[in-house]
Amino acid sequence: MAYEVVFPFGCYVVGEVSPVLDFEASTKDRPVPARDKATGELMWAVPVMDGDTSLKAKAKAVSVKILSAVEPQIPAPPAEMAGLPFIPVVFEGLTVTPYVDQSNNRLAYSYKARGMRAAGATRPAKAG
């Protein structure tokens, strides 16, 4: 799904990248990283804020899981945003999976991406 469809007003990183843990395999003393069921790749979570001002506060804060063998790096903020706690990003290869949240019986969404780059940055050209 196109990033622009999911986040038409953009989105902003508001925290640190962290590994997603496999809660079934992990113990208190031995955390086990989670892997994507389809690809087997490690998963990392990054908290973001949706730029849509019409959303209620609870709906604006989401976590996007990034599939990557190594920890993704949050891009540097643009010069005009240096020092602010918000970094505009674009997610590449974004997928959205709807599900019913069993705790409160509401429709929720799981976000996964193949990568993250600075908003406004172009993709690097492929060699060859």
N, C-alpha and C. Protein backbone atom coordinates (compact mmCIF):
# COMPACT_ATOMS: atom_id res chain seq x y z
N MET A 1 0.85 -1.17 0.00
CA MET A 1 0.00 0.00 0.00
C MET A 1 0.90 1.23 0.00
N ALA A 2 0.52 2.23 -0.72
CA ALA A 2 1.34 3.44 -0.82
C ALA A 2 1.34 4.20 0.50
N TYR A 3 2.51 4.65 0.87
CA TYR A 3 2.68 5.43 2.09
C TYR A 3 1.71 6.62 2.12
N GLU A 4 1.56 7.27 0.98
CA GLU A 4 0.72 8.47 0.89
C GLU A 4 -0.75 8.17 1.16
N VAL A 5 -1.19 6.94 0.92
CA VAL A 5 -2.57 6.55 1.20
C VAL A 5 -2.77 6.37 2.71
N VAL A 6 -1.79 5.76 3.36
CA VAL A 6 -1.89 5.49 4.79
C VAL A 6 -1.64 6.75 5.62
N PHE A 7 -0.67 7.55 5.24
CA PHE A 7 -0.31 8.77 5.97
C PHE A 7 -0.35 9.97 5.01
N PRO A 8 -1.53 10.39 4.56
CA PRO A 8 -1.61 11.49 3.58
C PRO A 8 -1.09 12.82 4.13
N PHE A 9 -1.05 12.98 5.45
CA PHE A 9 -0.54 14.20 6.07
C PHE A 9 0.86 14.00 6.63
N GLY A 10 1.49 12.88 6.27
CA GLY A 10 2.82 12.56 6.76
C GLY A 10 2.78 11.90 8.12
N CYS A 11 3.95 11.46 8.57
CA CYS A 11 4.07 10.93 9.94
C CYS A 11 5.45 11.28 10.47
N TYR A 12 5.55 11.23 11.78
CA TYR A 12 6.74 11.73 12.47
C TYR A 12 7.20 10.74 13.52
N VAL A 13 8.48 10.38 13.49
CA VAL A 13 9.04 9.51 14.51
C VAL A 13 9.04 10.29 15.83
N VAL A 14 8.58 9.63 16.89
CA VAL A 14 8.49 10.30 18.20
C VAL A 14 9.17 9.49 19.30
N GLY A 15 10.03 8.56 18.93
CA GLY A 15 10.72 7.74 19.92
C GLY A 15 11.86 6.98 19.27
N GLU A 16 12.36 6.01 19.98
CA GLU A 16 13.50 5.22 19.52
C GLU A 16 13.06 3.93 18.85
N VAL A 17 13.91 3.42 17.98
CA VAL A 17 13.70 2.11 17.38
C VAL A 17 14.03 1.06 18.44
N SER A 18 13.18 0.04 18.55
CA SER A 18 13.44 -1.03 19.51
C SER A 18 13.12 -2.38 18.88
N PRO A 19 13.79 -3.44 19.34
CA PRO A 19 13.49 -4.75 18.78
C PRO A 19 12.12 -5.22 19.23
N VAL A 20 11.40 -5.89 18.35
CA VAL A 20 10.13 -6.52 18.72
C VAL A 20 10.49 -7.87 19.32
N LEU A 21 9.91 -8.19 20.47
CA LEU A 21 10.24 -9.44 21.14
C LEU A 21 9.18 -10.51 20.88
N ASP A 22 9.65 -11.73 20.82
CA ASP A 22 8.76 -12.89 20.71
C ASP A 22 8.33 -13.22 22.13
N PHE A 23 7.09 -12.83 22.47
CA PHE A 23 6.64 -12.98 23.85
C PHE A 23 6.47 -14.44 24.26
N GLU A 24 6.21 -15.32 23.32
CA GLU A 24 6.05 -16.74 23.65
C GLU A 24 7.39 -17.40 23.92
N ALA A 25 8.44 -17.00 23.20
CA ALA A 25 9.75 -17.62 23.35
C ALA A 25 10.63 -16.92 24.39
N SER A 26 10.35 -15.66 24.69
CA SER A 26 11.17 -14.89 25.62
C SER A 26 10.88 -15.27 27.06
N THR A 27 11.90 -15.12 27.89
CA THR A 27 11.74 -15.24 29.33
C THR A 27 12.22 -13.94 29.96
N LYS A 28 12.02 -13.83 31.26
CA LYS A 28 12.44 -12.62 31.97
C LYS A 28 13.94 -12.38 31.79
N ASP A 29 14.71 -13.45 31.80
CA ASP A 29 16.17 -13.34 31.71
C ASP A 29 16.72 -13.51 30.30
N ARG A 30 15.87 -13.96 29.36
CA ARG A 30 16.37 -14.21 28.01
C ARG A 30 15.36 -13.71 26.98
N PRO A 31 15.50 -12.44 26.56
CA PRO A 31 14.60 -11.93 25.52
C PRO A 31 14.97 -12.55 24.16
N VAL A 32 13.95 -12.92 23.42
CA VAL A 32 14.14 -13.51 22.10
C VAL A 32 13.52 -12.57 21.07
N PRO A 33 14.31 -12.13 20.08
CA PRO A 33 13.74 -11.23 19.08
C PRO A 33 12.68 -11.95 18.22
N ALA A 34 11.66 -11.20 17.85
CA ALA A 34 10.60 -11.74 17.00
C ALA A 34 11.04 -11.69 15.54
N ARG A 35 10.51 -12.63 14.78
CA ARG A 35 10.77 -12.68 13.34
C ARG A 35 9.43 -12.66 12.62
N ASP A 36 9.43 -12.03 11.46
CA ASP A 36 8.23 -11.99 10.64
C ASP A 36 7.88 -13.41 10.20
N LYS A 37 6.61 -13.77 10.33
CA LYS A 37 6.17 -15.13 9.99
C LYS A 37 6.35 -15.46 8.52
N ALA A 38 6.18 -14.47 7.65
CA ALA A 38 6.27 -14.73 6.21
C ALA A 38 7.71 -14.76 5.69
N THR A 39 8.57 -13.87 6.21
CA THR A 39 9.92 -13.74 5.64
C THR A 39 11.03 -14.26 6.55
N GLY A 40 10.75 -14.39 7.85
CA GLY A 40 11.77 -14.81 8.79
C GLY A 40 12.71 -13.69 9.22
N GLU A 41 12.47 -12.48 8.72
CA GLU A 41 13.35 -11.35 9.06
C GLU A 41 13.05 -10.82 10.46
N LEU A 42 14.08 -10.25 11.09
CA LEU A 42 13.90 -9.61 12.39
C LEU A 42 12.95 -8.44 12.25
N MET A 43 12.23 -8.13 13.34
CA MET A 43 11.30 -7.00 13.33
C MET A 43 11.72 -5.98 14.38
N TRP A 44 11.61 -4.73 13.97
CA TRP A 44 11.94 -3.59 14.82
C TRP A 44 10.72 -2.67 14.86
N ALA A 45 10.47 -2.04 16.00
CA ALA A 45 9.31 -1.15 16.13
C ALA A 45 9.79 0.29 16.28
N VAL A 46 9.08 1.19 15.61
CA VAL A 46 9.36 2.61 15.75
C VAL A 46 8.03 3.33 16.00
N PRO A 47 7.95 4.12 17.09
CA PRO A 47 6.71 4.84 17.36
C PRO A 47 6.61 6.10 16.50
N VAL A 48 5.44 6.29 15.89
CA VAL A 48 5.23 7.47 15.06
C VAL A 48 3.92 8.15 15.41
N MET A 49 3.82 9.39 15.00
CA MET A 49 2.61 10.19 15.18
C MET A 49 2.10 10.53 13.79
N ASP A 50 0.84 10.18 13.54
CA ASP A 50 0.19 10.50 12.27
C ASP A 50 -0.01 12.01 12.20
N GLY A 51 0.27 12.62 11.07
CA GLY A 51 0.15 14.06 10.91
C GLY A 51 -1.26 14.56 10.67
N ASP A 52 -2.25 13.67 10.62
CA ASP A 52 -3.64 14.07 10.39
C ASP A 52 -4.20 14.74 11.64
N THR A 53 -4.43 16.04 11.57
CA THR A 53 -4.92 16.79 12.73
C THR A 53 -6.37 16.48 13.09
N SER A 54 -7.11 15.80 12.20
CA SER A 54 -8.50 15.47 12.51
C SER A 54 -8.63 14.23 13.39
N LEU A 55 -7.52 13.47 13.55
CA LEU A 55 -7.57 12.27 14.38
C LEU A 55 -7.50 12.61 15.85
N LYS A 56 -8.17 11.80 16.67
CA LYS A 56 -8.07 11.95 18.12
C LYS A 56 -6.69 11.49 18.55
N ALA A 57 -6.24 11.96 19.70
CA ALA A 57 -4.89 11.69 20.18
C ALA A 57 -4.56 10.20 20.20
N LYS A 58 -5.48 9.36 20.66
CA LYS A 58 -5.22 7.92 20.73
C LYS A 58 -4.99 7.31 19.36
N ALA A 59 -5.69 7.80 18.36
CA ALA A 59 -5.57 7.25 17.01
C ALA A 59 -4.33 7.75 16.29
N LYS A 60 -3.72 8.84 16.75
CA LYS A 60 -2.56 9.41 16.08
C LYS A 60 -1.28 8.64 16.35
N ALA A 61 -1.16 8.04 17.53
CA ALA A 61 0.06 7.35 17.93
C ALA A 61 -0.01 5.89 17.49
N VAL A 62 0.91 5.49 16.61
CA VAL A 62 0.96 4.12 16.14
C VAL A 62 2.42 3.64 16.16
N SER A 63 2.58 2.34 16.06
CA SER A 63 3.90 1.75 15.97
C SER A 63 4.01 1.08 14.62
N VAL A 64 5.10 1.35 13.91
CA VAL A 64 5.35 0.71 12.62
C VAL A 64 6.48 -0.29 12.82
N LYS A 65 6.25 -1.52 12.39
CA LYS A 65 7.28 -2.55 12.46
C LYS A 65 8.06 -2.55 11.16
N ILE A 66 9.38 -2.54 11.30
CA ILE A 66 10.26 -2.55 10.13
C ILE A 66 10.97 -3.90 10.09
N LEU A 67 10.92 -4.55 8.93
CA LEU A 67 11.59 -5.83 8.75
C LEU A 67 13.00 -5.56 8.26
N SER A 68 13.99 -5.99 9.04
CA SER A 68 15.37 -5.69 8.69
C SER A 68 16.32 -6.60 9.47
N ALA A 69 17.40 -7.04 8.82
CA ALA A 69 18.40 -7.86 9.49
C ALA A 69 19.17 -7.07 10.55
N VAL A 70 19.25 -5.76 10.38
CA VAL A 70 19.96 -4.90 11.33
C VAL A 70 19.02 -3.78 11.80
N GLU A 71 19.33 -3.20 12.94
CA GLU A 71 18.49 -2.15 13.50
C GLU A 71 18.42 -0.95 12.55
N PRO A 72 17.20 -0.56 12.14
CA PRO A 72 17.06 0.62 11.28
C PRO A 72 17.49 1.89 12.02
N GLN A 73 18.04 2.81 11.28
CA GLN A 73 18.47 4.09 11.86
C GLN A 73 17.44 5.17 11.54
N ILE A 74 17.11 5.96 12.54
CA ILE A 74 16.20 7.08 12.32
C ILE A 74 16.97 8.15 11.56
N PRO A 75 16.41 8.64 10.45
CA PRO A 75 17.14 9.65 9.68
C PRO A 75 17.28 10.96 10.46
N ALA A 76 18.27 11.74 10.09
CA ALA A 76 18.46 13.05 10.71
C ALA A 76 17.29 13.96 10.34
N PRO A 77 16.86 14.81 11.26
CA PRO A 77 15.76 15.72 10.94
C PRO A 77 16.23 16.80 9.96
N PRO A 78 15.29 17.37 9.20
CA PRO A 78 15.68 18.50 8.35
C PRO A 78 16.18 19.65 9.22
N ALA A 79 17.02 20.49 8.65
CA ALA A 79 17.63 21.58 9.40
C ALA A 79 16.60 22.44 10.13
N GLU A 80 15.46 22.69 9.48
CA GLU A 80 14.46 23.56 10.09
C GLU A 80 13.75 22.90 11.28
N MET A 81 13.95 21.58 11.47
CA MET A 81 13.32 20.87 12.58
C MET A 81 14.33 20.39 13.61
N ALA A 82 15.60 20.77 13.45
CA ALA A 82 16.64 20.35 14.38
C ALA A 82 16.26 20.78 15.80
N GLY A 83 16.41 19.85 16.73
CA GLY A 83 16.11 20.13 18.12
C GLY A 83 14.68 19.82 18.54
N LEU A 84 13.80 19.59 17.57
CA LEU A 84 12.42 19.23 17.90
C LEU A 84 12.31 17.72 18.07
N PRO A 85 11.34 17.24 18.85
CA PRO A 85 11.23 15.80 19.09
C PRO A 85 10.49 15.04 18.00
N PHE A 86 10.27 15.65 16.84
CA PHE A 86 9.54 15.03 15.75
C PHE A 86 10.42 14.99 14.51
N ILE A 87 10.51 13.81 13.88
CA ILE A 87 11.31 13.67 12.67
C ILE A 87 10.41 13.12 11.57
N PRO A 88 10.18 13.90 10.50
CA PRO A 88 9.32 13.41 9.42
C PRO A 88 10.00 12.29 8.64
N VAL A 89 9.27 11.18 8.45
CA VAL A 89 9.82 10.04 7.73
C VAL A 89 8.80 9.51 6.72
N VAL A 90 9.30 8.70 5.82
CA VAL A 90 8.48 7.98 4.85
C VAL A 90 8.84 6.51 5.00
N PHE A 91 7.83 5.66 5.02
CA PHE A 91 8.06 4.22 5.11
C PHE A 91 7.93 3.61 3.72
N GLU A 92 8.89 2.78 3.36
CA GLU A 92 8.90 2.12 2.06
C GLU A 92 8.39 0.69 2.21
N GLY A 93 7.63 0.23 1.22
CA GLY A 93 7.09 -1.12 1.26
C GLY A 93 6.09 -1.30 2.39
N LEU A 94 5.30 -0.28 2.65
CA LEU A 94 4.37 -0.29 3.77
C LEU A 94 3.18 -1.21 3.50
N THR A 95 2.85 -2.05 4.48
CA THR A 95 1.64 -2.86 4.43
C THR A 95 0.82 -2.58 5.68
N VAL A 96 -0.49 -2.68 5.52
CA VAL A 96 -1.40 -2.45 6.64
C VAL A 96 -2.31 -3.67 6.73
N THR A 97 -2.38 -4.27 7.91
CA THR A 97 -3.22 -5.44 8.12
C THR A 97 -4.26 -5.11 9.19
N PRO A 98 -5.54 -5.13 8.83
CA PRO A 98 -6.58 -4.89 9.83
C PRO A 98 -6.81 -6.14 10.68
N TYR A 99 -7.18 -5.94 11.94
CA TYR A 99 -7.53 -7.05 12.83
C TYR A 99 -8.48 -6.53 13.90
N VAL A 100 -9.15 -7.43 14.58
CA VAL A 100 -10.04 -7.04 15.67
C VAL A 100 -9.26 -7.15 16.97
N ASP A 101 -9.14 -6.03 17.67
CA ASP A 101 -8.46 -5.98 18.96
C ASP A 101 -9.34 -6.70 19.97
N GLN A 102 -8.88 -7.83 20.47
CA GLN A 102 -9.69 -8.67 21.36
C GLN A 102 -9.95 -8.02 22.72
N SER A 103 -9.08 -7.10 23.14
CA SER A 103 -9.26 -6.49 24.46
C SER A 103 -10.44 -5.53 24.53
N ASN A 104 -10.75 -4.86 23.42
CA ASN A 104 -11.89 -3.94 23.45
C ASN A 104 -12.78 -4.05 22.21
N ASN A 105 -12.65 -5.17 21.50
CA ASN A 105 -13.51 -5.46 20.35
C ASN A 105 -13.65 -4.30 19.37
N ARG A 106 -12.53 -3.76 18.94
CA ARG A 106 -12.56 -2.70 17.94
C ARG A 106 -11.60 -3.04 16.82
N LEU A 107 -11.84 -2.45 15.68
CA LEU A 107 -10.96 -2.65 14.54
C LEU A 107 -9.65 -1.91 14.78
N ALA A 108 -8.54 -2.59 14.57
CA ALA A 108 -7.22 -1.99 14.73
C ALA A 108 -6.38 -2.36 13.51
N TYR A 109 -5.18 -1.79 13.42
CA TYR A 109 -4.33 -2.02 12.25
C TYR A 109 -2.90 -2.31 12.69
N SER A 110 -2.26 -3.21 11.96
CA SER A 110 -0.85 -3.52 12.15
C SER A 110 -0.11 -2.95 10.94
N TYR A 111 0.95 -2.19 11.20
CA TYR A 111 1.73 -1.54 10.13
C TYR A 111 3.10 -2.20 10.06
N LYS A 112 3.50 -2.62 8.85
CA LYS A 112 4.84 -3.16 8.61
C LYS A 112 5.43 -2.46 7.40
N ALA A 113 6.76 -2.29 7.43
CA ALA A 113 7.45 -1.63 6.32
C ALA A 113 8.76 -2.35 6.04
N ARG A 114 9.29 -2.12 4.85
CA ARG A 114 10.58 -2.68 4.46
C ARG A 114 11.72 -1.73 4.78
N GLY A 115 11.41 -0.44 4.98
CA GLY A 115 12.45 0.52 5.28
C GLY A 115 11.87 1.87 5.65
N MET A 116 12.76 2.76 6.07
CA MET A 116 12.37 4.10 6.50
C MET A 116 13.40 5.07 5.97
N ARG A 117 12.94 6.23 5.48
CA ARG A 117 13.87 7.27 5.01
C ARG A 117 13.33 8.63 5.42
N ALA A 118 14.17 9.62 5.32
CA ALA A 118 13.75 10.98 5.64
C ALA A 118 12.68 11.44 4.66
N ALA A 119 11.68 12.13 5.14
CA ALA A 119 10.67 12.70 4.25
C ALA A 119 11.36 13.70 3.34
N GLY A 120 11.04 13.65 2.07
CA GLY A 120 11.65 14.55 1.09
C GLY A 120 12.90 13.98 0.45
N ALA A 121 13.49 12.94 1.06
CA ALA A 121 14.67 12.32 0.48
C ALA A 121 14.24 11.38 -0.63
N THR A 122 15.01 11.32 -1.67
CA THR A 122 14.71 10.41 -2.76
C THR A 122 15.39 9.08 -2.50
N ARG A 123 14.87 8.06 -3.12
CA ARG A 123 15.49 6.75 -2.99
C ARG A 123 16.82 6.76 -3.71
N PRO A 124 17.81 6.05 -3.14
CA PRO A 124 19.08 5.96 -3.86
C PRO A 124 18.91 5.20 -5.16
N ALA A 125 19.65 5.63 -6.17
CA ALA A 125 19.58 4.97 -7.47
C ALA A 125 20.17 3.57 -7.37
N LYS A 126 19.57 2.63 -8.07
CA LYS A 126 20.08 1.26 -8.07
C LYS A 126 21.25 1.17 -9.02
N ALA A 127 22.25 0.44 -8.61
CA ALA A 127 23.43 0.25 -9.45
C ALA A 127 23.09 -0.69 -10.61
N GLY A 128 23.73 -0.45 -11.73
CA GLY A 128 23.56 -1.39 -12.83
C GLY A 128 22.74 -0.83 -13.87
